[in-house]
PDB file of N, CA and C in Angstrom:
ATOM      1  N   MET A   1      15.652 -26.962 -11.380  1.00  0.00           N
ATOM      2  CA  MET A   1      16.273 -26.170 -10.120  1.00  0.00           C
ATOM      3  C   MET A   1      15.698 -24.592  -9.954  1.00  0.00           C
ATOM      4  N   VAL A   2      14.808 -24.213 -11.463  1.00  0.00           N
ATOM      5  CA  VAL A   2      14.120 -22.800 -12.114  1.00  0.00           C
ATOM      6  C   VAL A   2      12.949 -23.172 -11.444  1.00  0.00           C
ATOM      7  N   PRO A   3      12.429 -24.018 -11.902  1.00  0.00           N
ATOM      8  CA  PRO A   3      11.224 -24.123 -10.923  1.00  0.00           C
ATOM      9  C   PRO A   3      10.609 -23.991 -10.053  1.00  0.00           C
ATOM     10  N   LEU A   4      11.974 -24.555  -9.188  1.00  0.00           N
ATOM     11  CA  LEU A   4      12.073 -24.781  -7.512  1.00  0.00           C
ATOM     12  C   LEU A   4      12.622 -23.241  -7.080  1.00  0.00           C
ATOM     13  N   LEU A   5      12.856 -22.474  -7.107  1.00  0.00           N
ATOM     14  CA  LEU A   5      13.303 -20.832  -7.679  1.00  0.00           C
ATOM     15  C   LEU A   5      11.887 -20.147  -7.539  1.00  0.00           C
ATOM     16  N   ILE A   6      10.746 -20.532  -8.522  1.00  0.00           N
ATOM     17  CA  ILE A   6       9.446 -20.023  -9.020  1.00  0.00           C
ATOM     18  C   ILE A   6       8.605 -19.966  -8.282  1.00  0.00           C
ATOM     19  N   VAL A   7       8.536 -21.522  -7.321  1.00  0.00           N
ATOM     20  CA  VAL A   7       7.879 -21.867  -6.706  1.00  0.00           C
ATOM     21  C   VAL A   7       8.168 -20.968  -5.101  1.00  0.00           C
ATOM     22  N   LEU A   8       9.143 -21.240  -5.003  1.00  0.00           N
ATOM     23  CA  LEU A   8      10.198 -20.325  -3.642  1.00  0.00           C
ATOM     24  C   LEU A   8       9.717 -18.650  -3.716  1.00  0.00           C
ATOM     25  N   LEU A   9      10.091 -18.301  -4.990  1.00  0.00           N
ATOM     26  CA  LEU A   9       9.461 -17.009  -4.939  1.00  0.00           C
ATOM     27  C   LEU A   9       7.908 -16.744  -4.697  1.00  0.00           C
ATOM     28  N   LEU A  10       7.189 -17.142  -4.919  1.00  0.00           N
ATOM     29  CA  LEU A  10       5.735 -16.926  -5.282  1.00  0.00           C
ATOM     30  C   LEU A  10       5.592 -17.599  -4.155  1.00  0.00           C
ATOM     31  N   ALA A  11       6.220 -18.952  -3.339  1.00  0.00           N
ATOM     32  CA  ALA A  11       5.281 -18.672  -1.511  1.00  0.00           C
ATOM     33  C   ALA A  11       5.745 -17.658  -1.087  1.00  0.00           C
ATOM     34  N   LEU A  12       6.899 -16.848  -1.548  1.00  0.00           N
ATOM     35  CA  LEU A  12       7.055 -15.889  -0.884  1.00  0.00           C
ATOM     36  C   LEU A  12       6.732 -14.479  -1.238  1.00  0.00           C
ATOM     37  N   LEU A  13       6.386 -14.263  -1.954  1.00  0.00           N
ATOM     38  CA  LEU A  13       5.312 -13.339  -2.175  1.00  0.00           C
ATOM     39  C   LEU A  13       4.079 -13.473  -1.869  1.00  0.00           C
ATOM     40  N   LEU A  14       3.440 -14.635  -1.930  1.00  0.00           N
ATOM     41  CA  LEU A  14       2.034 -15.065  -1.105  1.00  0.00           C
ATOM     42  C   LEU A  14       1.992 -14.691  -0.025  1.00  0.00           C
ATOM     43  N   PHE A  15       3.164 -15.265   0.963  1.00  0.00           N
ATOM     44  CA  PHE A  15       3.520 -14.649   2.379  1.00  0.00           C
ATOM     45  C   PHE A  15       3.338 -13.101   2.627  1.00  0.00           C
ATOM     46  N   GLY A  16       4.625 -12.296   2.055  1.00  0.00           N
ATOM     47  CA  GLY A  16       4.282 -11.107   1.833  1.00  0.00           C
ATOM     48  C   GLY A  16       3.208 -10.769   1.567  1.00  0.00           C
ATOM     49  N   ALA A  17       2.355 -11.092   0.499  1.00  0.00           N
ATOM     50  CA  ALA A  17       0.847 -10.139   0.280  1.00  0.00           C
ATOM     51  C   ALA A  17      -0.312 -10.802   1.724  1.00  0.00           C
ATOM     52  N   GLY A  18      -0.259 -11.812   2.030  1.00  0.00           N
ATOM     53  CA  GLY A  18      -0.997 -12.125   3.501  1.00  0.00           C
ATOM     54  C   GLY A  18      -0.449 -11.422   4.353  1.00  0.00           C
ATOM     55  N   PHE A  19       0.860 -10.989   4.714  1.00  0.00           N
ATOM     56  CA  PHE A  19       0.776 -10.237   5.874  1.00  0.00           C
ATOM     57  C   PHE A  19       0.506  -8.965   5.787  1.00  0.00           C
ATOM     58  N   ALA A  20       0.975  -8.528   4.751  1.00  0.00           N
ATOM     59  CA  ALA A  20       0.255  -6.791   4.066  1.00  0.00           C
ATOM     60  C   ALA A  20      -1.116  -6.782   4.399  1.00  0.00           C
ATOM     61  N   LEU A  21      -1.778  -7.731   3.777  1.00  0.00           N
ATOM     62  CA  LEU A  21      -3.498  -7.801   4.049  1.00  0.00           C
ATOM     63  C   LEU A  21      -3.718  -7.928   5.602  1.00  0.00           C
ATOM     64  N   LYS A  22      -3.392  -8.378   5.990  1.00  0.00           N
ATOM     65  CA  LYS A  22      -3.377  -8.964   7.618  1.00  0.00           C
ATOM     66  C   LYS A  22      -3.425  -7.255   8.259  1.00  0.00           C
ATOM     67  N   ILE A  23      -1.941  -6.959   7.962  1.00  0.00           N
ATOM     68  CA  ILE A  23      -1.805  -5.711   8.445  1.00  0.00           C
ATOM     69  C   ILE A  23      -2.322  -4.217   8.422  1.00  0.00           C
ATOM     70  N   LEU A  24      -3.377  -3.961   6.757  1.00  0.00           N
ATOM     71  CA  LEU A  24      -4.226  -3.774   6.591  1.00  0.00           C
ATOM     72  C   LEU A  24      -5.985  -3.619   7.066  1.00  0.00           C
ATOM     73  N   TRP A  25      -5.836  -4.694   7.338  1.00  0.00           N
ATOM     74  CA  TRP A  25      -7.254  -5.295   8.401  1.00  0.00           C
ATOM     75  C   TRP A  25      -7.007  -4.584   9.449  1.00  0.00           C
ATOM     76  N   TRP A  26      -5.997  -4.838  10.194  1.00  0.00           N
ATOM     77  CA  TRP A  26      -6.014  -4.158  11.964  1.00  0.00           C
ATOM     78  C   TRP A  26      -6.068  -2.465  12.050  1.00  0.00           C
ATOM     79  N   VAL A  27      -5.033  -2.104  10.351  1.00  0.00           N
ATOM     80  CA  VAL A  27      -4.935  -0.430  10.521  1.00  0.00           C
ATOM     81  C   VAL A  27      -7.013  -0.405   9.834  1.00  0.00           C
ATOM     82  N   ALA A  28      -7.797  -0.987   9.474  1.00  0.00           N
ATOM     83  CA  ALA A  28      -9.003  -0.514   8.887  1.00  0.00           C
ATOM     84  C   ALA A  28      -9.777  -0.656  10.471  1.00  0.00           C
ATOM     85  N   LEU A  29     -10.000  -1.758  11.358  1.00  0.00           N
ATOM     86  CA  LEU A  29     -10.142  -1.791  12.325  1.00  0.00           C
ATOM     87  C   LEU A  29     -10.185  -0.401  13.197  1.00  0.00           C
ATOM     88  N   ILE A  30      -9.084  -0.395  13.262  1.00  0.00           N
ATOM     89  CA  ILE A  30      -8.304   0.739  14.372  1.00  0.00           C
ATOM     90  C   ILE A  30      -8.866   2.221  13.524  1.00  0.00           C
ATOM     91  N   VAL A  31      -9.164   1.996  12.619  1.00  0.00           N
ATOM     92  CA  VAL A  31     -10.162   3.632  12.059  1.00  0.00           C
ATOM     93  C   VAL A  31     -11.559   3.292  11.540  1.00  0.00           C
ATOM     94  N   ILE A  32     -11.998   2.462  12.139  1.00  0.00           N
ATOM     95  CA  ILE A  32     -13.323   2.433  12.220  1.00  0.00           C
ATOM     96  C   ILE A  32     -13.573   2.471  13.817  1.00  0.00           C
ATOM     97  N   VAL A  33     -12.807   1.679  14.748  1.00  0.00           N
ATOM     98  CA  VAL A  33     -13.599   1.771  15.860  1.00  0.00           C
ATOM     99  C   VAL A  33     -12.723   3.374  16.595  1.00  0.00           C
ATOM    100  N   LEU A  34     -12.144   4.155  15.800  1.00  0.00           N
ATOM    101  CA  LEU A  34     -11.750   5.757  15.948  1.00  0.00           C
ATOM    102  C   LEU A  34     -12.431   6.920  15.561  1.00  0.00           C
ATOM    103  N   TRP A  35     -13.507   6.394  14.374  1.00  0.00           N
ATOM    104  CA  TRP A  35     -14.605   6.701  13.561  1.00  0.00           C
ATOM    105  C   TRP A  35     -15.452   6.692  14.471  1.00  0.00           C
ATOM    106  N   LEU A  36     -15.939   5.525  15.395  1.00  0.00           N
ATOM    107  CA  LEU A  36     -17.002   5.489  16.227  1.00  0.00           C
ATOM    108  C   LEU A  36     -16.645   6.214  16.750  1.00  0.00           C
ATOM    109  N   LEU A  37     -15.809   6.476  18.155  1.00  0.00           N
ATOM    110  CA  LEU A  37     -15.584   6.653  19.495  1.00  0.00           C
ATOM    111  C   LEU A  37     -15.620   8.097  18.824  1.00  0.00           C
ATOM    112  N   GLY A  38     -15.328   8.715  17.385  1.00  0.00           N
ATOM    113  CA  GLY A  38     -15.721  10.306  17.493  1.00  0.00           C
ATOM    114  C   GLY A  38     -16.953  10.758  17.220  1.00  0.00           C
ATOM    115  N   PHE A  39     -17.598   9.740  16.699  1.00  0.00           N
ATOM    116  CA  PHE A  39     -19.020  10.078  16.277  1.00  0.00           C
ATOM    117  C   PHE A  39     -19.499   9.871  17.774  1.00  0.00           C
ATOM    118  N   LEU A  40     -19.535   9.319  18.877  1.00  0.00           N
ATOM    119  CA  LEU A  40     -20.013   8.855  19.974  1.00  0.00           C
ATOM    120  C   LEU A  40     -19.976  10.687  20.914  1.00  0.00           C
ATOM    121  N   VAL A  41     -18.324  10.440  21.046  1.00  0.00           N
ATOM    122  CA  VAL A  41     -18.397  11.753  21.576  1.00  0.00           C
ATOM    123  C   VAL A  41     -18.571  12.980  20.873  1.00  0.00           C
ATOM    124  N   ARG A  42     -18.910  13.531  19.230  1.00  0.00           N
ATOM    125  CA  ARG A  42     -19.291  14.437  18.324  1.00  0.00           C
ATOM    126  C   ARG A  42     -20.854  14.632  18.736  1.00  0.00           C
ATOM    127  N   SER A  43     -21.823  13.189  18.926  1.00  0.00           N
ATOM    128  CA  SER A  43     -22.849  13.260  19.660  1.00  0.00           C
ATOM    129  C   SER A  43     -23.263  13.840  20.928  1.00  0.00           C
ATOM    130  N   GLY A  44     -22.729  13.744  22.133  1.00  0.00           N
ATOM    131  CA  GLY A  44     -22.028  14.086  23.762  1.00  0.00           C
ATOM    132  C   GLY A  44     -21.905  15.141  23.994  1.00  0.00           C
ATOM    133  N   GLY A  45     -21.532  15.877  22.300  1.00  0.00           N
ATOM    134  CA  GLY A  45     -21.288  17.181  22.977  1.00  0.00           C
ATOM    135  C   GLY A  45     -20.078  17.518  22.030  1.00  0.00           C
ATOM    136  N   GLY A  46     -19.015  18.363  22.732  1.00  0.00           N
ATOM    137  CA  GLY A  46     -17.953  19.258  21.255  1.00  0.00           C
ATOM    138  C   GLY A  46     -16.956  18.160  20.015  1.00  0.00           C
ATOM    139  N   ARG A  47     -16.669  18.791  19.520  1.00  0.00           N
ATOM    140  CA  ARG A  47     -16.031  17.922  18.130  1.00  0.00           C
ATOM    141  C   ARG A  47     -14.583  17.876  18.262  1.00  0.00           C
ATOM    142  N   TRP A  48     -13.721  16.881  18.691  1.00  0.00           N
ATOM    143  CA  TRP A  48     -12.623  16.828  19.106  1.00  0.00           C
ATOM    144  C   TRP A  48     -11.627  16.905  17.215  1.00  0.00           C
ATOM    145  N   TYR A  49     -12.440  16.590  16.270  1.00  0.00           N
ATOM    146  CA  TYR A  49     -11.732  16.376  15.098  1.00  0.00           C
ATOM    147  C   TYR A  49     -12.353  16.978  14.131  1.00  0.00           C
ATOM    148  N   ARG A  50     -12.074  17.035  13.002  1.00  0.00           N
ATOM    149  CA  ARG A  50     -12.146  17.663  11.711  1.00  0.00           C
ATOM    150  C   ARG A  50     -12.489  16.819  10.127  1.00  0.00           C
ATOM    151  N   TRP A  51     -13.364  16.261  10.261  1.00  0.00           N
ATOM    152  CA  TRP A  51     -14.023  15.008   9.152  1.00  0.00           C
ATOM    153  C   TRP A  51     -14.943  15.253   8.720  1.00  0.00           C
TER     154      TRP A  51
END
């Protein structure tokens, strides 16, 4: 019974980590897109952020 609980706990932990990493990838992608848009806007004229 204990090994089964350990395996289930490990599977739950890995699933949670995979989900969190997928969310972090999406957040990183959004940040990169915003940074690139800001870079393009800055090269075209005014500065709308302070990075």
